[in-house]
Amino acid sequence: RQHSIYALTPDQRWLRPSLAFPLYAGTLASTMLLCLVWQPSYKMLRLQYTLVGVGLLMYRVYYYARKEWILYFIDLCFVNSILLIVSL
């Protein structure tokens, strides 16, 4: 049962530091700051969501390129993310 998915200890690969936590924490902090402190206009919100969408899409490209899964990324295409950025 050492390699079981039901083991109580997580796999060591999930405990390695990555860019995901600072990226998501920065996104959350900037969104809270933007909405609670500055009370932005529609254009400012649209810009902020566009920057977040592009940033998260670039992180996915980096992640899949680092894992050498770039064809998997292209196959999935992340159409929703691309359409979100285009629509904004």
N, C-alpha and C. Protein backbone atom coordinates (compact mmCIF):
# COMPACT_ATOMS: atom_id res chain seq x y z
N ARG A 1 0.82 -1.21 0.00
CA ARG A 1 0.00 0.00 0.00
C ARG A 1 0.85 1.26 0.00
N GLN A 2 2.12 1.12 -0.12
CA GLN A 2 3.00 2.28 -0.08
C GLN A 2 2.73 3.23 -1.25
N HIS A 3 2.42 2.71 -2.41
CA HIS A 3 2.19 3.54 -3.59
C HIS A 3 0.70 3.73 -3.87
N SER A 4 -0.12 3.47 -2.89
CA SER A 4 -1.56 3.59 -3.06
C SER A 4 -1.98 5.06 -3.14
N ILE A 5 -3.01 5.34 -3.90
CA ILE A 5 -3.52 6.70 -3.96
C ILE A 5 -4.25 7.07 -2.68
N TYR A 6 -4.51 6.07 -1.84
CA TYR A 6 -5.21 6.31 -0.59
C TYR A 6 -4.26 6.47 0.59
N ALA A 7 -2.96 6.55 0.34
CA ALA A 7 -2.00 6.73 1.42
C ALA A 7 -2.21 8.08 2.09
N LEU A 8 -1.87 8.16 3.35
CA LEU A 8 -2.12 9.38 4.12
C LEU A 8 -1.09 10.47 3.86
N THR A 9 0.06 10.13 3.33
CA THR A 9 1.08 11.15 3.07
C THR A 9 1.07 11.49 1.58
N PRO A 10 1.14 12.78 1.26
CA PRO A 10 1.14 13.17 -0.16
C PRO A 10 2.46 12.82 -0.84
N ASP A 11 2.39 12.67 -2.13
CA ASP A 11 3.58 12.42 -2.92
C ASP A 11 4.50 13.64 -2.84
N GLN A 12 5.79 13.41 -2.84
CA GLN A 12 6.75 14.50 -2.69
C GLN A 12 6.69 15.50 -3.85
N ARG A 13 6.26 15.07 -5.01
CA ARG A 13 6.21 16.01 -6.14
C ARG A 13 5.20 17.12 -5.91
N TRP A 14 4.17 16.88 -5.09
CA TRP A 14 3.18 17.91 -4.81
C TRP A 14 3.65 18.89 -3.75
N LEU A 15 4.72 18.56 -3.05
CA LEU A 15 5.23 19.43 -1.99
C LEU A 15 6.33 20.36 -2.47
N ARG A 16 6.81 20.18 -3.69
CA ARG A 16 7.84 21.07 -4.23
C ARG A 16 7.28 22.46 -4.49
N PRO A 17 8.05 23.50 -4.16
CA PRO A 17 7.58 24.87 -4.43
C PRO A 17 7.43 25.11 -5.94
N SER A 18 6.46 25.90 -6.29
CA SER A 18 6.25 26.24 -7.69
C SER A 18 5.80 27.69 -7.80
N LEU A 19 5.59 28.14 -9.02
CA LEU A 19 5.13 29.51 -9.25
C LEU A 19 3.63 29.68 -9.02
N ALA A 20 2.92 28.59 -8.85
CA ALA A 20 1.47 28.67 -8.77
C ALA A 20 0.99 29.47 -7.56
N PHE A 21 1.54 29.21 -6.39
CA PHE A 21 1.05 29.91 -5.20
C PHE A 21 1.27 31.41 -5.27
N PRO A 22 2.49 31.91 -5.59
CA PRO A 22 2.64 33.37 -5.69
C PRO A 22 1.78 33.98 -6.80
N LEU A 23 1.60 33.24 -7.89
CA LEU A 23 0.79 33.75 -8.99
C LEU A 23 -0.66 33.92 -8.56
N TYR A 24 -1.23 32.88 -7.96
CA TYR A 24 -2.63 32.96 -7.53
C TYR A 24 -2.81 33.92 -6.36
N ALA A 25 -1.85 33.97 -5.43
CA ALA A 25 -1.94 34.90 -4.31
C ALA A 25 -1.86 36.34 -4.80
N GLY A 26 -0.98 36.61 -5.75
CA GLY A 26 -0.88 37.95 -6.33
C GLY A 26 -2.14 38.34 -7.09
N THR A 27 -2.72 37.39 -7.78
CA THR A 27 -3.98 37.65 -8.49
C THR A 27 -5.09 37.98 -7.52
N LEU A 28 -5.21 37.22 -6.46
CA LEU A 28 -6.24 37.47 -5.45
C LEU A 28 -6.02 38.82 -4.77
N ALA A 29 -4.78 39.11 -4.40
CA ALA A 29 -4.49 40.38 -3.73
C ALA A 29 -4.76 41.57 -4.65
N SER A 30 -4.37 41.48 -5.91
CA SER A 30 -4.59 42.61 -6.82
C SER A 30 -6.08 42.81 -7.09
N THR A 31 -6.83 41.71 -7.18
CA THR A 31 -8.27 41.83 -7.40
C THR A 31 -8.95 42.47 -6.19
N MET A 32 -8.57 42.03 -5.00
CA MET A 32 -9.16 42.61 -3.79
C MET A 32 -8.78 44.08 -3.67
N LEU A 33 -7.53 44.41 -3.93
CA LEU A 33 -7.08 45.80 -3.86
C LEU A 33 -7.81 46.66 -4.88
N LEU A 34 -7.93 46.15 -6.08
CA LEU A 34 -8.60 46.89 -7.13
C LEU A 34 -10.07 47.14 -6.81
N CYS A 35 -10.76 46.11 -6.33
CA CYS A 35 -12.20 46.24 -6.11
C CYS A 35 -12.55 46.94 -4.80
N LEU A 36 -11.77 46.75 -3.77
CA LEU A 36 -12.12 47.30 -2.46
C LEU A 36 -11.57 48.70 -2.21
N VAL A 37 -10.42 49.00 -2.76
CA VAL A 37 -9.77 50.28 -2.46
C VAL A 37 -10.06 51.32 -3.53
N TRP A 38 -9.89 50.94 -4.81
CA TRP A 38 -9.98 51.95 -5.87
C TRP A 38 -11.37 52.10 -6.46
N GLN A 39 -12.24 51.15 -6.29
CA GLN A 39 -13.56 51.14 -6.90
C GLN A 39 -13.46 51.48 -8.39
N PRO A 40 -12.98 50.50 -9.16
CA PRO A 40 -12.60 50.75 -10.55
C PRO A 40 -13.79 50.95 -11.48
N SER A 41 -13.46 51.53 -12.62
CA SER A 41 -14.44 51.67 -13.69
C SER A 41 -14.51 50.35 -14.47
N TYR A 42 -15.42 50.31 -15.42
CA TYR A 42 -15.57 49.11 -16.24
C TYR A 42 -14.29 48.83 -17.03
N LYS A 43 -13.67 49.87 -17.56
CA LYS A 43 -12.44 49.69 -18.36
C LYS A 43 -11.31 49.16 -17.51
N MET A 44 -11.21 49.62 -16.26
CA MET A 44 -10.14 49.14 -15.38
C MET A 44 -10.37 47.67 -15.01
N LEU A 45 -11.62 47.30 -14.74
CA LEU A 45 -11.92 45.90 -14.46
C LEU A 45 -11.63 45.01 -15.66
N ARG A 46 -11.99 45.48 -16.82
CA ARG A 46 -11.74 44.71 -18.04
C ARG A 46 -10.24 44.52 -18.26
N LEU A 47 -9.46 45.56 -18.01
CA LEU A 47 -8.00 45.47 -18.13
C LEU A 47 -7.44 44.48 -17.12
N GLN A 48 -7.93 44.55 -15.89
CA GLN A 48 -7.44 43.65 -14.85
C GLN A 48 -7.77 42.19 -15.19
N TYR A 49 -8.98 41.90 -15.61
CA TYR A 49 -9.34 40.53 -15.98
C TYR A 49 -8.56 40.06 -17.20
N THR A 50 -8.29 40.95 -18.13
CA THR A 50 -7.48 40.58 -19.29
C THR A 50 -6.06 40.22 -18.87
N LEU A 51 -5.47 41.02 -17.98
CA LEU A 51 -4.12 40.73 -17.50
C LEU A 51 -4.08 39.41 -16.73
N VAL A 52 -5.09 39.16 -15.92
CA VAL A 52 -5.15 37.90 -15.19
C VAL A 52 -5.30 36.73 -16.16
N GLY A 53 -6.18 36.85 -17.13
CA GLY A 53 -6.37 35.78 -18.11
C GLY A 53 -5.12 35.49 -18.91
N VAL A 54 -4.44 36.52 -19.35
CA VAL A 54 -3.20 36.33 -20.11
C VAL A 54 -2.12 35.73 -19.21
N GLY A 55 -2.04 36.23 -17.98
CA GLY A 55 -1.04 35.70 -17.05
C GLY A 55 -1.24 34.23 -16.75
N LEU A 56 -2.47 33.83 -16.50
CA LEU A 56 -2.75 32.42 -16.23
C LEU A 56 -2.54 31.55 -17.46
N LEU A 57 -2.84 32.07 -18.64
CA LEU A 57 -2.59 31.32 -19.86
C LEU A 57 -1.09 31.15 -20.09
N MET A 58 -0.31 32.21 -19.82
CA MET A 58 1.14 32.10 -19.96
C MET A 58 1.73 31.12 -18.94
N TYR A 59 1.16 31.10 -17.73
CA TYR A 59 1.62 30.13 -16.74
C TYR A 59 1.36 28.70 -17.23
N ARG A 60 0.21 28.47 -17.86
CA ARG A 60 -0.08 27.14 -18.39
C ARG A 60 0.92 26.76 -19.49
N VAL A 61 1.24 27.72 -20.35
CA VAL A 61 2.23 27.45 -21.40
C VAL A 61 3.56 27.08 -20.76
N TYR A 62 3.98 27.85 -19.76
CA TYR A 62 5.25 27.58 -19.06
C TYR A 62 5.20 26.20 -18.40
N TYR A 63 4.10 25.90 -17.72
CA TYR A 63 3.99 24.63 -17.01
C TYR A 63 4.08 23.45 -17.97
N TYR A 64 3.31 23.49 -19.06
CA TYR A 64 3.33 22.37 -19.99
C TYR A 64 4.64 22.30 -20.76
N ALA A 65 5.28 23.41 -21.02
CA ALA A 65 6.58 23.38 -21.69
C ALA A 65 7.64 22.79 -20.75
N ARG A 66 7.57 23.13 -19.47
CA ARG A 66 8.53 22.59 -18.50
C ARG A 66 8.37 21.08 -18.35
N LYS A 67 7.15 20.59 -18.40
CA LYS A 67 6.89 19.15 -18.30
C LYS A 67 7.09 18.44 -19.64
N GLU A 68 7.39 19.20 -20.69
CA GLU A 68 7.53 18.70 -22.05
C GLU A 68 6.22 18.07 -22.54
N TRP A 69 5.12 18.72 -22.18
CA TRP A 69 3.78 18.30 -22.60
C TRP A 69 3.15 19.36 -23.50
N ILE A 70 3.94 20.05 -24.29
CA ILE A 70 3.41 21.17 -25.06
C ILE A 70 2.36 20.70 -26.08
N LEU A 71 2.52 19.49 -26.61
CA LEU A 71 1.50 18.97 -27.53
C LEU A 71 0.18 18.72 -26.79
N TYR A 72 0.27 18.33 -25.53
CA TYR A 72 -0.94 18.17 -24.72
C TYR A 72 -1.62 19.52 -24.55
N PHE A 73 -0.84 20.57 -24.33
CA PHE A 73 -1.39 21.92 -24.22
C PHE A 73 -2.08 22.33 -25.51
N ILE A 74 -1.42 22.08 -26.63
CA ILE A 74 -2.00 22.45 -27.93
C ILE A 74 -3.26 21.63 -28.19
N ASP A 75 -3.24 20.37 -27.80
CA ASP A 75 -4.40 19.51 -28.01
C ASP A 75 -5.60 20.00 -27.20
N LEU A 76 -5.37 20.41 -25.95
CA LEU A 76 -6.47 20.91 -25.12
C LEU A 76 -6.95 22.28 -25.59
N CYS A 77 -6.02 23.10 -26.06
CA CYS A 77 -6.29 24.39 -26.69
C CYS A 77 -6.83 25.46 -25.75
N PHE A 78 -7.36 25.11 -24.61
CA PHE A 78 -7.87 26.08 -23.64
C PHE A 78 -8.71 27.15 -24.33
N VAL A 79 -9.65 26.70 -25.10
CA VAL A 79 -10.49 27.60 -25.88
C VAL A 79 -11.21 28.60 -24.99
N ASN A 80 -11.67 28.16 -23.83
CA ASN A 80 -12.37 29.09 -22.95
C ASN A 80 -11.50 30.26 -22.53
N SER A 81 -10.23 29.99 -22.19
CA SER A 81 -9.34 31.07 -21.78
C SER A 81 -9.06 32.02 -22.95
N ILE A 82 -8.84 31.47 -24.12
CA ILE A 82 -8.55 32.30 -25.28
C ILE A 82 -9.78 33.13 -25.66
N LEU A 83 -10.96 32.52 -25.62
CA LEU A 83 -12.19 33.27 -25.92
C LEU A 83 -12.45 34.36 -24.88
N LEU A 84 -12.13 34.09 -23.61
CA LEU A 84 -12.29 35.11 -22.58
C LEU A 84 -11.41 36.31 -22.88
N ILE A 85 -10.15 36.06 -23.22
CA ILE A 85 -9.23 37.15 -23.51
C ILE A 85 -9.69 37.92 -24.74
N VAL A 86 -10.12 37.22 -25.77
CA VAL A 86 -10.58 37.88 -27.00
C VAL A 86 -11.84 38.70 -26.72
N SER A 87 -12.74 38.15 -25.90
CA SER A 87 -13.99 38.87 -25.64
C SER A 87 -13.77 40.13 -24.82
N LEU A 88 -12.74 40.12 -23.98
CA LEU A 88 -12.48 41.32 -23.18
C LEU A 88 -11.82 42.37 -24.04
